[in-house]
Structure formats: structure tokens, C-alpha cells
N, C-alpha and C. Protein backbone atom coordinates (compact mmCIF):
# COMPACT_ATOMS: atom_id res chain seq x y z
N MET A 1 -39.05 7.50 3.32
CA MET A 1 -38.61 6.12 3.29
C MET A 1 -38.75 5.53 1.89
N MET A 2 -39.85 5.86 1.23
CA MET A 2 -40.09 5.35 -0.11
C MET A 2 -39.03 5.88 -1.08
N ARG A 3 -38.69 7.17 -0.91
CA ARG A 3 -37.68 7.77 -1.79
C ARG A 3 -36.32 7.08 -1.59
N ARG A 4 -36.01 6.80 -0.36
CA ARG A 4 -34.74 6.13 -0.06
C ARG A 4 -34.71 4.74 -0.69
N ALA A 5 -35.79 4.00 -0.63
CA ALA A 5 -35.87 2.67 -1.22
C ALA A 5 -35.72 2.74 -2.73
N SER A 6 -36.32 3.74 -3.37
CA SER A 6 -36.22 3.84 -4.83
C SER A 6 -34.79 4.23 -5.23
N MET A 7 -34.13 5.06 -4.41
CA MET A 7 -32.74 5.41 -4.70
C MET A 7 -31.84 4.18 -4.57
N MET A 8 -32.12 3.38 -3.55
CA MET A 8 -31.33 2.18 -3.35
C MET A 8 -31.56 1.20 -4.50
N ALA A 9 -32.77 1.07 -4.96
CA ALA A 9 -33.08 0.18 -6.08
C ALA A 9 -32.37 0.67 -7.34
N ALA A 10 -32.37 1.97 -7.57
CA ALA A 10 -31.68 2.53 -8.75
C ALA A 10 -30.18 2.25 -8.66
N PHE A 11 -29.65 2.37 -7.47
CA PHE A 11 -28.22 2.09 -7.29
C PHE A 11 -27.91 0.63 -7.59
N LEU A 12 -28.73 -0.27 -7.06
CA LEU A 12 -28.50 -1.69 -7.26
C LEU A 12 -28.67 -2.10 -8.72
N VAL A 13 -29.59 -1.47 -9.42
CA VAL A 13 -29.78 -1.77 -10.84
C VAL A 13 -28.54 -1.32 -11.61
N GLY A 14 -27.97 -0.17 -11.24
CA GLY A 14 -26.77 0.33 -11.91
C GLY A 14 -25.50 -0.35 -11.46
N ALA A 15 -25.55 -1.12 -10.37
CA ALA A 15 -24.35 -1.76 -9.82
C ALA A 15 -23.67 -2.71 -10.80
N PRO A 16 -24.40 -3.52 -11.55
CA PRO A 16 -23.70 -4.41 -12.50
C PRO A 16 -22.85 -3.63 -13.51
N ALA A 17 -23.27 -2.44 -13.86
CA ALA A 17 -22.49 -1.64 -14.80
C ALA A 17 -21.18 -1.19 -14.17
N LEU A 18 -21.16 -1.07 -12.83
CA LEU A 18 -19.96 -0.66 -12.14
C LEU A 18 -19.06 -1.83 -11.79
N ALA A 19 -19.57 -3.03 -11.94
CA ALA A 19 -18.78 -4.22 -11.59
C ALA A 19 -17.57 -4.34 -12.51
N VAL A 20 -16.52 -4.91 -11.99
CA VAL A 20 -15.28 -5.08 -12.75
C VAL A 20 -15.42 -6.33 -13.61
N PRO A 21 -15.13 -6.23 -14.91
CA PRO A 21 -15.19 -7.42 -15.77
C PRO A 21 -14.22 -8.49 -15.29
N ALA A 22 -14.54 -9.74 -15.59
CA ALA A 22 -13.74 -10.86 -15.11
C ALA A 22 -12.29 -10.79 -15.61
N GLY A 23 -12.06 -10.32 -16.82
CA GLY A 23 -10.71 -10.29 -17.38
C GLY A 23 -9.95 -9.02 -17.09
N ALA A 24 -10.55 -8.11 -16.33
CA ALA A 24 -9.89 -6.82 -16.07
C ALA A 24 -8.74 -6.97 -15.10
N GLN A 25 -7.75 -6.11 -15.25
CA GLN A 25 -6.61 -6.09 -14.35
C GLN A 25 -6.41 -4.67 -13.86
N LEU A 26 -5.90 -4.55 -12.66
CA LEU A 26 -5.58 -3.23 -12.16
C LEU A 26 -4.37 -2.71 -12.91
N VAL A 27 -4.40 -1.44 -13.24
CA VAL A 27 -3.30 -0.82 -13.97
C VAL A 27 -2.35 -0.20 -12.97
N ARG A 28 -1.07 -0.45 -13.14
CA ARG A 28 -0.06 0.14 -12.27
C ARG A 28 0.12 1.60 -12.64
N PRO A 29 0.57 2.40 -11.68
CA PRO A 29 0.83 3.80 -12.01
C PRO A 29 1.93 3.91 -13.05
N VAL A 30 1.88 4.98 -13.87
CA VAL A 30 2.87 5.14 -14.93
C VAL A 30 4.03 6.03 -14.52
N ALA A 31 4.01 6.53 -13.32
CA ALA A 31 5.11 7.36 -12.84
C ALA A 31 5.92 6.58 -11.81
N ALA A 32 7.23 6.75 -11.87
CA ALA A 32 8.11 6.06 -10.93
C ALA A 32 7.99 6.69 -9.55
N ALA A 33 8.35 5.91 -8.54
CA ALA A 33 8.38 6.44 -7.18
C ALA A 33 9.36 7.62 -7.14
N PRO A 34 9.06 8.64 -6.35
CA PRO A 34 9.92 9.83 -6.35
C PRO A 34 11.36 9.56 -5.94
N ASP A 35 11.58 8.55 -5.12
CA ASP A 35 12.94 8.26 -4.69
C ASP A 35 13.59 7.10 -5.47
N ALA A 36 12.92 6.63 -6.52
CA ALA A 36 13.45 5.52 -7.32
C ALA A 36 14.68 6.00 -8.10
N PRO A 37 15.76 5.22 -8.05
CA PRO A 37 16.97 5.62 -8.78
C PRO A 37 16.78 5.49 -10.29
N LYS A 38 17.45 6.36 -11.05
CA LYS A 38 17.38 6.31 -12.50
C LYS A 38 18.14 5.10 -13.03
N LEU A 39 17.55 4.48 -14.04
CA LEU A 39 18.14 3.32 -14.69
C LEU A 39 18.22 3.60 -16.18
N LEU A 40 19.39 3.42 -16.74
CA LEU A 40 19.64 3.64 -18.16
C LEU A 40 19.79 2.29 -18.83
N VAL A 41 18.87 1.95 -19.75
CA VAL A 41 18.93 0.70 -20.50
C VAL A 41 19.58 1.01 -21.84
N LEU A 42 20.77 0.49 -22.04
CA LEU A 42 21.53 0.75 -23.26
C LEU A 42 21.17 -0.26 -24.35
N PRO A 43 21.36 0.12 -25.63
CA PRO A 43 21.17 -0.87 -26.70
C PRO A 43 22.13 -2.04 -26.51
N PHE A 44 21.66 -3.23 -26.78
CA PHE A 44 22.48 -4.43 -26.58
C PHE A 44 23.52 -4.57 -27.69
N VAL A 45 24.69 -5.05 -27.32
CA VAL A 45 25.76 -5.34 -28.27
C VAL A 45 25.41 -6.65 -28.96
N ARG A 46 25.73 -6.76 -30.23
CA ARG A 46 25.40 -7.99 -30.94
C ARG A 46 26.54 -8.36 -31.88
N ASP A 47 26.61 -9.63 -32.22
CA ASP A 47 27.69 -10.09 -33.09
C ASP A 47 27.20 -10.35 -34.51
N TYR A 48 26.12 -9.69 -34.92
CA TYR A 48 25.56 -9.86 -36.25
C TYR A 48 24.94 -8.53 -36.67
N ALA A 49 24.51 -8.44 -37.89
CA ALA A 49 24.08 -7.15 -38.44
C ALA A 49 22.66 -6.73 -38.05
N ASP A 50 21.83 -7.62 -37.53
CA ASP A 50 20.43 -7.29 -37.25
C ASP A 50 20.30 -6.50 -35.96
N SER A 51 20.21 -5.18 -36.08
CA SER A 51 20.09 -4.35 -34.89
C SER A 51 18.67 -4.31 -34.36
N ALA A 52 17.69 -4.59 -35.20
CA ALA A 52 16.29 -4.52 -34.77
C ALA A 52 16.01 -5.49 -33.63
N MET A 53 16.56 -6.70 -33.71
CA MET A 53 16.31 -7.70 -32.68
C MET A 53 16.87 -7.25 -31.33
N SER A 54 18.04 -6.66 -31.33
CA SER A 54 18.63 -6.22 -30.06
C SER A 54 17.84 -5.06 -29.47
N LEU A 55 17.27 -4.21 -30.32
CA LEU A 55 16.44 -3.11 -29.83
C LEU A 55 15.13 -3.63 -29.25
N VAL A 56 14.58 -4.66 -29.87
CA VAL A 56 13.33 -5.24 -29.36
C VAL A 56 13.55 -5.83 -27.97
N VAL A 57 14.66 -6.53 -27.78
CA VAL A 57 14.94 -7.12 -26.47
C VAL A 57 15.17 -6.02 -25.43
N ALA A 58 15.97 -5.01 -25.77
CA ALA A 58 16.22 -3.90 -24.84
C ALA A 58 14.91 -3.18 -24.51
N ASP A 59 14.05 -3.00 -25.51
CA ASP A 59 12.76 -2.37 -25.26
C ASP A 59 11.89 -3.23 -24.35
N GLY A 60 11.96 -4.55 -24.51
CA GLY A 60 11.20 -5.45 -23.65
C GLY A 60 11.65 -5.34 -22.21
N VAL A 61 12.95 -5.26 -22.00
CA VAL A 61 13.49 -5.09 -20.64
C VAL A 61 13.01 -3.76 -20.07
N ARG A 62 13.17 -2.70 -20.84
CA ARG A 62 12.81 -1.35 -20.39
C ARG A 62 11.32 -1.28 -20.02
N GLU A 63 10.46 -1.80 -20.89
CA GLU A 63 9.02 -1.72 -20.64
C GLU A 63 8.61 -2.55 -19.43
N ARG A 64 9.22 -3.72 -19.25
CA ARG A 64 8.89 -4.54 -18.08
C ARG A 64 9.28 -3.81 -16.79
N LEU A 65 10.45 -3.18 -16.79
CA LEU A 65 10.88 -2.44 -15.61
C LEU A 65 9.98 -1.24 -15.37
N ARG A 66 9.54 -0.59 -16.46
CA ARG A 66 8.66 0.59 -16.32
C ARG A 66 7.27 0.20 -15.82
N THR A 67 6.75 -0.94 -16.24
CA THR A 67 5.39 -1.29 -15.87
C THR A 67 5.28 -2.10 -14.59
N ALA A 68 6.28 -2.91 -14.28
CA ALA A 68 6.16 -3.81 -13.13
C ALA A 68 7.06 -3.46 -11.95
N HIS A 69 8.03 -2.60 -12.16
CA HIS A 69 9.00 -2.35 -11.09
C HIS A 69 9.26 -0.86 -10.89
N LEU A 70 8.21 -0.06 -10.98
CA LEU A 70 8.36 1.38 -10.82
C LEU A 70 8.80 1.77 -9.42
N ASP A 71 8.56 0.91 -8.45
CA ASP A 71 8.98 1.21 -7.08
C ASP A 71 10.49 1.07 -6.92
N LYS A 72 11.14 0.35 -7.83
CA LYS A 72 12.58 0.11 -7.72
C LYS A 72 13.41 1.00 -8.64
N PHE A 73 12.87 1.32 -9.83
CA PHE A 73 13.65 2.05 -10.83
C PHE A 73 12.83 3.14 -11.52
N ASN A 74 13.51 4.19 -11.89
CA ASN A 74 12.95 5.23 -12.75
C ASN A 74 13.66 5.03 -14.09
N THR A 75 13.06 4.21 -14.94
CA THR A 75 13.68 3.83 -16.20
C THR A 75 13.53 4.94 -17.22
N LEU A 76 14.65 5.35 -17.80
CA LEU A 76 14.63 6.39 -18.82
C LEU A 76 14.07 5.83 -20.12
N ARG A 77 13.17 6.57 -20.74
CA ARG A 77 12.56 6.11 -21.98
C ARG A 77 13.57 6.12 -23.12
N ARG A 78 13.35 5.25 -24.10
CA ARG A 78 14.27 5.17 -25.23
C ARG A 78 14.31 6.47 -26.01
N GLN A 79 13.16 7.15 -26.15
CA GLN A 79 13.13 8.41 -26.88
C GLN A 79 14.03 9.44 -26.20
N ASP A 80 13.99 9.49 -24.86
CA ASP A 80 14.85 10.43 -24.13
C ASP A 80 16.32 10.07 -24.31
N LEU A 81 16.63 8.78 -24.23
CA LEU A 81 18.00 8.32 -24.41
C LEU A 81 18.48 8.68 -25.81
N ASN A 82 17.67 8.40 -26.84
CA ASN A 82 18.06 8.70 -28.21
C ASN A 82 18.30 10.19 -28.43
N ARG A 83 17.43 11.02 -27.87
CA ARG A 83 17.58 12.47 -28.02
C ARG A 83 18.89 12.94 -27.40
N ILE A 84 19.16 12.47 -26.19
CA ILE A 84 20.39 12.90 -25.50
C ILE A 84 21.63 12.37 -26.20
N LEU A 85 21.58 11.12 -26.66
CA LEU A 85 22.73 10.57 -27.39
C LEU A 85 22.98 11.36 -28.68
N THR A 86 21.91 11.69 -29.41
CA THR A 86 22.05 12.46 -30.64
C THR A 86 22.63 13.84 -30.37
N GLU A 87 22.09 14.51 -29.34
CA GLU A 87 22.59 15.85 -29.00
C GLU A 87 24.04 15.80 -28.52
N SER A 88 24.47 14.66 -28.00
CA SER A 88 25.84 14.53 -27.49
C SER A 88 26.81 14.03 -28.56
N GLY A 89 26.30 13.78 -29.77
CA GLY A 89 27.17 13.35 -30.86
C GLY A 89 27.28 11.84 -31.03
N PHE A 90 26.49 11.06 -30.29
CA PHE A 90 26.49 9.61 -30.43
C PHE A 90 25.40 9.20 -31.39
N THR A 91 25.53 8.01 -31.97
CA THR A 91 24.50 7.47 -32.83
C THR A 91 23.51 6.70 -31.98
N PRO A 92 22.23 7.08 -32.01
CA PRO A 92 21.24 6.34 -31.20
C PRO A 92 20.99 4.96 -31.78
N ASP A 93 20.45 4.07 -30.98
CA ASP A 93 20.09 2.70 -31.37
C ASP A 93 21.30 1.87 -31.77
N VAL A 94 22.47 2.31 -31.40
CA VAL A 94 23.70 1.56 -31.64
C VAL A 94 24.38 1.41 -30.28
N PRO A 95 24.95 0.26 -30.00
CA PRO A 95 25.61 0.11 -28.70
C PRO A 95 26.63 1.23 -28.45
N VAL A 96 26.62 1.73 -27.23
CA VAL A 96 27.53 2.80 -26.83
C VAL A 96 28.90 2.16 -26.57
N GLU A 97 29.93 2.82 -27.05
CA GLU A 97 31.29 2.31 -26.83
C GLU A 97 31.55 2.18 -25.33
N PRO A 98 32.22 1.11 -24.88
CA PRO A 98 32.46 0.92 -23.44
C PRO A 98 33.10 2.12 -22.75
N ALA A 99 34.00 2.81 -23.43
CA ALA A 99 34.65 3.97 -22.81
C ALA A 99 33.69 5.13 -22.58
N ASN A 100 32.57 5.14 -23.30
CA ASN A 100 31.61 6.24 -23.19
C ASN A 100 30.42 5.94 -22.30
N VAL A 101 30.29 4.69 -21.85
CA VAL A 101 29.11 4.29 -21.08
C VAL A 101 29.00 5.07 -19.77
N ARG A 102 30.04 5.11 -18.98
CA ARG A 102 29.99 5.80 -17.67
C ARG A 102 29.77 7.31 -17.83
N PRO A 103 30.47 7.99 -18.76
CA PRO A 103 30.18 9.42 -18.94
C PRO A 103 28.73 9.70 -19.34
N VAL A 104 28.15 8.85 -20.20
CA VAL A 104 26.75 9.03 -20.58
C VAL A 104 25.85 8.85 -19.35
N ALA A 105 26.13 7.83 -18.54
CA ALA A 105 25.33 7.59 -17.33
C ALA A 105 25.45 8.76 -16.36
N GLN A 106 26.65 9.28 -16.19
CA GLN A 106 26.83 10.42 -15.28
C GLN A 106 26.10 11.65 -15.82
N PHE A 107 26.19 11.88 -17.13
CA PHE A 107 25.52 13.02 -17.74
C PHE A 107 24.01 12.93 -17.53
N MET A 108 23.46 11.72 -17.61
CA MET A 108 22.02 11.52 -17.45
C MET A 108 21.63 11.31 -16.00
N ASN A 109 22.61 11.36 -15.10
CA ASN A 109 22.37 11.21 -13.67
C ASN A 109 21.72 9.86 -13.35
N ALA A 110 22.17 8.81 -14.04
CA ALA A 110 21.63 7.47 -13.82
C ALA A 110 22.45 6.78 -12.74
N ARG A 111 21.76 6.13 -11.83
CA ARG A 111 22.45 5.38 -10.78
C ARG A 111 22.81 3.98 -11.25
N TYR A 112 21.98 3.42 -12.15
CA TYR A 112 22.21 2.07 -12.64
C TYR A 112 22.23 2.04 -14.16
N LEU A 113 22.98 1.10 -14.69
CA LEU A 113 23.05 0.84 -16.13
C LEU A 113 22.60 -0.59 -16.38
N LEU A 114 21.92 -0.79 -17.48
CA LEU A 114 21.60 -2.14 -17.90
C LEU A 114 22.17 -2.28 -19.30
N GLU A 115 23.14 -3.16 -19.43
CA GLU A 115 23.78 -3.39 -20.72
C GLU A 115 23.69 -4.87 -21.04
N GLY A 116 23.77 -5.20 -22.30
CA GLY A 116 23.64 -6.60 -22.66
C GLY A 116 24.33 -6.94 -23.96
N SER A 117 24.42 -8.24 -24.21
CA SER A 117 25.01 -8.78 -25.43
C SER A 117 24.10 -9.87 -25.97
N MET A 118 24.07 -9.95 -27.29
CA MET A 118 23.33 -11.02 -27.96
C MET A 118 24.32 -11.75 -28.85
N ILE A 119 24.47 -13.06 -28.61
CA ILE A 119 25.49 -13.84 -29.29
C ILE A 119 24.83 -15.03 -29.99
N ARG A 120 25.05 -15.11 -31.29
CA ARG A 120 24.53 -16.26 -32.04
C ARG A 120 25.29 -17.51 -31.62
N ARG A 121 24.55 -18.58 -31.44
CA ARG A 121 25.11 -19.88 -31.10
C ARG A 121 24.92 -20.81 -32.29
N PRO A 122 25.59 -21.95 -32.29
CA PRO A 122 25.39 -22.90 -33.40
C PRO A 122 23.92 -23.28 -33.54
N GLY A 123 23.50 -23.45 -34.77
CA GLY A 123 22.11 -23.79 -35.03
C GLY A 123 21.26 -22.54 -35.01
N ASP A 124 20.08 -22.66 -34.46
CA ASP A 124 19.13 -21.55 -34.45
C ASP A 124 19.00 -20.92 -33.07
N SER A 125 20.05 -20.96 -32.27
CA SER A 125 19.91 -20.43 -30.91
C SER A 125 20.69 -19.13 -30.73
N MET A 126 20.29 -18.40 -29.70
CA MET A 126 20.87 -17.10 -29.39
C MET A 126 21.07 -17.04 -27.88
N LEU A 127 22.22 -16.57 -27.46
CA LEU A 127 22.51 -16.37 -26.04
C LEU A 127 22.38 -14.88 -25.77
N VAL A 128 21.51 -14.53 -24.84
CA VAL A 128 21.32 -13.14 -24.44
C VAL A 128 21.85 -13.01 -23.02
N VAL A 129 22.81 -12.12 -22.84
CA VAL A 129 23.42 -11.88 -21.53
C VAL A 129 23.15 -10.43 -21.17
N ALA A 130 22.63 -10.20 -19.98
CA ALA A 130 22.34 -8.83 -19.54
C ALA A 130 22.97 -8.60 -18.18
N ARG A 131 23.40 -7.37 -17.95
CA ARG A 131 24.07 -7.04 -16.70
C ARG A 131 23.52 -5.72 -16.17
N LEU A 132 23.08 -5.75 -14.94
CA LEU A 132 22.63 -4.56 -14.22
C LEU A 132 23.78 -4.15 -13.32
N VAL A 133 24.29 -2.95 -13.50
CA VAL A 133 25.48 -2.52 -12.76
C VAL A 133 25.28 -1.10 -12.24
N GLU A 134 25.86 -0.84 -11.09
CA GLU A 134 25.84 0.52 -10.56
C GLU A 134 26.71 1.41 -11.43
N ALA A 135 26.20 2.60 -11.75
CA ALA A 135 26.97 3.54 -12.55
C ALA A 135 28.03 4.22 -11.70
N ARG A 136 27.79 4.28 -10.41
CA ARG A 136 28.76 4.85 -9.47
C ARG A 136 29.02 3.81 -8.40
N GLY A 137 30.04 4.04 -7.65
CA GLY A 137 30.35 3.11 -6.56
C GLY A 137 31.69 2.46 -6.79
N THR A 138 32.37 2.22 -5.72
CA THR A 138 33.67 1.58 -5.80
C THR A 138 33.73 0.45 -4.81
N PRO A 139 33.84 -0.76 -5.19
CA PRO A 139 33.62 -1.26 -6.54
C PRO A 139 32.12 -1.32 -6.83
N PRO A 140 31.73 -1.15 -8.08
CA PRO A 140 30.30 -1.19 -8.39
C PRO A 140 29.75 -2.60 -8.25
N GLN A 141 28.53 -2.68 -7.79
CA GLN A 141 27.86 -3.98 -7.71
C GLN A 141 27.27 -4.30 -9.07
N ALA A 142 27.12 -5.57 -9.36
CA ALA A 142 26.55 -5.98 -10.63
C ALA A 142 25.76 -7.27 -10.46
N ALA A 143 24.76 -7.43 -11.29
CA ALA A 143 23.98 -8.66 -11.36
C ALA A 143 23.92 -9.05 -12.83
N THR A 144 24.19 -10.31 -13.12
CA THR A 144 24.22 -10.78 -14.50
C THR A 144 23.27 -11.95 -14.66
N VAL A 145 22.56 -11.97 -15.78
CA VAL A 145 21.69 -13.10 -16.11
C VAL A 145 21.92 -13.45 -17.58
N SER A 146 21.62 -14.68 -17.90
CA SER A 146 21.72 -15.10 -19.30
C SER A 146 20.52 -15.97 -19.65
N LEU A 147 20.22 -15.99 -20.93
CA LEU A 147 19.07 -16.72 -21.42
C LEU A 147 19.42 -17.29 -22.79
N LEU A 148 19.23 -18.56 -22.97
CA LEU A 148 19.47 -19.20 -24.26
C LEU A 148 18.12 -19.53 -24.87
N ALA A 149 17.90 -19.04 -26.09
CA ALA A 149 16.60 -19.25 -26.73
C ALA A 149 16.79 -19.39 -28.23
N SER A 150 15.78 -19.92 -28.87
CA SER A 150 15.77 -20.00 -30.32
C SER A 150 15.74 -18.59 -30.89
N ALA A 151 16.52 -18.32 -31.90
CA ALA A 151 16.57 -16.98 -32.51
C ALA A 151 15.19 -16.56 -33.00
N ALA A 152 14.40 -17.51 -33.44
CA ALA A 152 13.05 -17.19 -33.93
C ALA A 152 12.12 -16.75 -32.80
N ARG A 153 12.46 -17.09 -31.56
CA ARG A 153 11.59 -16.76 -30.42
C ARG A 153 12.06 -15.54 -29.64
N ILE A 154 13.17 -14.93 -30.05
CA ILE A 154 13.69 -13.75 -29.36
C ILE A 154 12.76 -12.58 -29.65
N GLY A 155 12.39 -11.85 -28.61
CA GLY A 155 11.52 -10.69 -28.78
C GLY A 155 11.32 -9.98 -27.46
N THR A 156 10.20 -9.26 -27.35
CA THR A 156 9.95 -8.51 -26.12
C THR A 156 9.75 -9.44 -24.93
N GLY A 157 9.24 -10.65 -25.18
CA GLY A 157 9.09 -11.62 -24.10
C GLY A 157 10.44 -12.00 -23.51
N THR A 158 11.46 -12.04 -24.35
CA THR A 158 12.82 -12.32 -23.87
C THR A 158 13.26 -11.20 -22.95
N GLY A 159 12.99 -9.96 -23.35
CA GLY A 159 13.33 -8.81 -22.52
C GLY A 159 12.59 -8.84 -21.19
N THR A 160 11.34 -9.24 -21.22
CA THR A 160 10.54 -9.34 -19.99
C THR A 160 11.16 -10.35 -19.04
N GLU A 161 11.53 -11.51 -19.56
CA GLU A 161 12.12 -12.56 -18.72
C GLU A 161 13.46 -12.09 -18.13
N ILE A 162 14.26 -11.42 -18.92
CA ILE A 162 15.54 -10.91 -18.43
C ILE A 162 15.30 -9.88 -17.33
N ALA A 163 14.36 -8.99 -17.53
CA ALA A 163 14.06 -7.97 -16.51
C ALA A 163 13.64 -8.62 -15.20
N ASN A 164 12.77 -9.61 -15.27
CA ASN A 164 12.32 -10.29 -14.05
C ASN A 164 13.48 -10.95 -13.32
N ARG A 165 14.37 -11.60 -14.06
CA ARG A 165 15.53 -12.26 -13.43
C ARG A 165 16.47 -11.23 -12.80
N LEU A 166 16.69 -10.11 -13.48
CA LEU A 166 17.59 -9.08 -12.94
C LEU A 166 17.02 -8.45 -11.67
N VAL A 167 15.73 -8.24 -11.63
CA VAL A 167 15.12 -7.66 -10.43
C VAL A 167 15.29 -8.61 -9.24
N GLU A 168 15.19 -9.90 -9.48
CA GLU A 168 15.43 -10.86 -8.40
C GLU A 168 16.85 -10.73 -7.85
N ARG A 169 17.80 -10.59 -8.74
CA ARG A 169 19.20 -10.46 -8.30
C ARG A 169 19.50 -9.07 -7.72
N TYR A 170 18.74 -8.08 -8.11
CA TYR A 170 18.91 -6.72 -7.60
C TYR A 170 18.70 -6.66 -6.09
N ARG A 171 17.89 -7.53 -5.57
CA ARG A 171 17.60 -7.54 -4.12
C ARG A 171 18.87 -7.70 -3.29
N THR A 172 19.88 -8.34 -3.85
CA THR A 172 21.12 -8.53 -3.10
C THR A 172 21.93 -7.23 -2.98
N PHE A 173 21.65 -6.25 -3.84
CA PHE A 173 22.39 -4.98 -3.79
C PHE A 173 22.26 -4.33 -2.42
N ASP A 174 21.05 -4.28 -1.88
CA ASP A 174 20.85 -3.68 -0.57
C ASP A 174 21.56 -4.47 0.52
N GLU A 175 21.54 -5.79 0.40
CA GLU A 175 22.22 -6.63 1.40
C GLU A 175 23.73 -6.38 1.38
N VAL A 176 24.31 -6.25 0.20
CA VAL A 176 25.74 -5.99 0.09
C VAL A 176 26.06 -4.60 0.63
N ALA A 177 25.23 -3.62 0.32
CA ALA A 177 25.46 -2.25 0.81
C ALA A 177 25.42 -2.23 2.34
N GLU A 178 24.50 -2.98 2.93
CA GLU A 178 24.42 -3.03 4.39
C GLU A 178 25.66 -3.69 4.98
N CYS A 179 26.14 -4.75 4.37
CA CYS A 179 27.37 -5.41 4.84
C CYS A 179 28.57 -4.45 4.76
N ARG A 180 28.64 -3.69 3.66
CA ARG A 180 29.75 -2.74 3.53
C ARG A 180 29.68 -1.67 4.61
N ARG A 181 28.45 -1.20 4.91
CA ARG A 181 28.30 -0.19 5.98
C ARG A 181 28.77 -0.74 7.31
N ARG A 182 28.43 -1.99 7.59
CA ARG A 182 28.85 -2.60 8.85
C ARG A 182 30.37 -2.77 8.93
N LEU A 183 30.98 -3.13 7.81
CA LEU A 183 32.43 -3.30 7.80
C LEU A 183 33.14 -1.96 7.97
N ASP A 184 32.59 -0.91 7.40
CA ASP A 184 33.20 0.41 7.51
C ASP A 184 33.01 1.04 8.89
N ALA A 185 31.99 0.59 9.60
CA ALA A 185 31.69 1.19 10.92
C ALA A 185 32.64 0.72 12.00
């Protein structure tokens, strides 16, 4: 009995070391669900010479989808996309020509594409438009969101906000697919 009490006391003394710190957060798994469809995030089209900003926004979208929505999408990493584009004769980190988007998606076996545009507005503002679209399907479903922000504030946070808005609209894809099944039946 005495030995058991001393073991319990040792455990309780060590318990604070095992306690979770107040600022700690649970980490999500880094692997996508096995049945999650592949999503290809393409570099955003822009109407100005600064390609770095469009890459930062696309990376923000990609990372948000990878960290917060792994149950919905298997997002292809930018390094993998760049390698495949280079091996296929395309220039990485440059928007893919519209005529080549679907063949690239089919080659990478992606079910969804995320493409976007960044448009300078008068003054210091920027309009970011992103579209999540099925790579296959007739007619393909699509969800579009837009965000107007100061050019100085555009960054990965912009990509995060766009990703969150697109995931909200993605929920309608299943509803539309179910309606189509009912109409075909």
C-alpha cells in the first residue's frame, strides 16, 4: 500500500509537466484523407509585373487548405506542381495558359482546380478573384469568391481568407451533384 501511495505521489508531482500549456493548440494531421480528391492550386493571373505577390496569395490558399481542410482536399504542393510543370515544358510560377489548364489537371489526376486573378484597382487597392472548379464534369461546377484589399495588405492572410470562403461555397457541390443524380434517375 505504501509503495502504491508513493507511486501515485510521484505521478501527481510529474503531472504538471504533462499538462498542456494554456497557449497550446492541437495540431491537425499533415496527411490528407485517403479519399480526399486532389486539388491543383495554379499560380494566379495578374495584370502587373509583380509575380511574387500572386505566388504569396496562391501559397496562402494552398497552405490553408492543406492545414485546415485535409478532410475535403488533397492539395498538391507547389514544389510538386513546379517539378511537373518544368518536366512538361511549362514555366513554373507563371500562370498556366487557359488552353493548357485542363490537360495539366488531367495529367496530375486532379479533380479540382483553383485558379485566380489579381487586378489592380484605382488607388492602392487590389481585387483578388479566385475560382474553385471541377477539372472534370459536364458541365463543371464552380465556386467564385472575390476580395478587395489594400495592395499593401495583400499576403498569405489574403490567401487564407479566400480559402475559407471557397470551402464554404464548396459545400454546395455535393448538393448540386445530388440534385443531378435525382434528375437523371
